[in-house]
Amino acid sequence: MIENIAAYRFVPIHDADALARRLGARAAELELLGTLIVAPEGINLFLAGTRGAIDAFVDALRADARLAAIVVKRSRSATTPFARLKVKRKCEIITFRRGEVSPLTRRAPALSPQRFAAWLERGVDEDGRRVVLLDTRNREEVEHGSFAGACTLPITAFTEFPAAVEACRTELADAAIVSFCTGGVRCEKAALWMQDHGFANVWQLDGGILGYFEQVGGFGYEGSCFVFDERVALDSTLAALGEREPSDFTAHPYEESP
């Protein structure tokens, strides 16, 4: 059985090139496959290997004081869902091209999966505002599944989010807006951008859909969660719904920046 991990952390990385080389070398030594992205704003990764190798890599991550608090989401698959190891030194760990939006300086309010589930069940927040769920993922991902009744956007890349959400401003007015994505990284920037552009009462689902599945299960979710690897999509138990032979064609949404 293969152990798969997904993790990110926004933290200042002043030696991004050196850190990418060091972590890339350790991942290669442990024969891990997947994608590792390092940028001045942090780190984002999707890796697969044996349980022992994954544990050793997580230990190497957390040995760096800047990454000691990184949250790692785990799942398992019958085969390795990546064709090779790719180590990328990028400008951003999630391409948004809005330099004024930085999770390094502040964070939008985050809802725990348990509190999010309670809001789903009631349909309102603790102050009685109606809850609107905002899916920040692209159309391909949404086709596989989303939270029931969520507001989805006709986008193919995260850089299109600002224009698309502006078109929904009336629908989102006076609501408690909860943004969500696969693992939480896109919500970090989406929620901040919305706060800066006049959207009140904006929250983000802490840990994204995968974190919700891990802690709560499938309550309120319809379908599966698309993942950018050969497992195609995961159900609410984090089991793969289909597996392809590993290839290089699968592109992560975090790899748009040069």
Foldseek 3Di string as FASTA:
>chain_A
DKKKKWWWDFEADPPQVVVLVVLVVLCVVLVKAWEWETARGIITTIIMDHPVSVVVSVVVQLVPVRRVPIDMFMDDAPDGFADGHYGYYFHDQFDQPPVVQHVHVDFFAEDELVQVLVCVVVQAHPVRFGEAEEEQDEPVQPVQKFFPRHDYFHDDASNCRVVGVVVCCVVQPRHQYEYAYAQFPSLRRVQRVCVVVPRPNYYYHHGGLSSSLVPPFQVRMDGFGADQTQLGTAHSVRYRPGGDPHDDPRDDSSPPGD
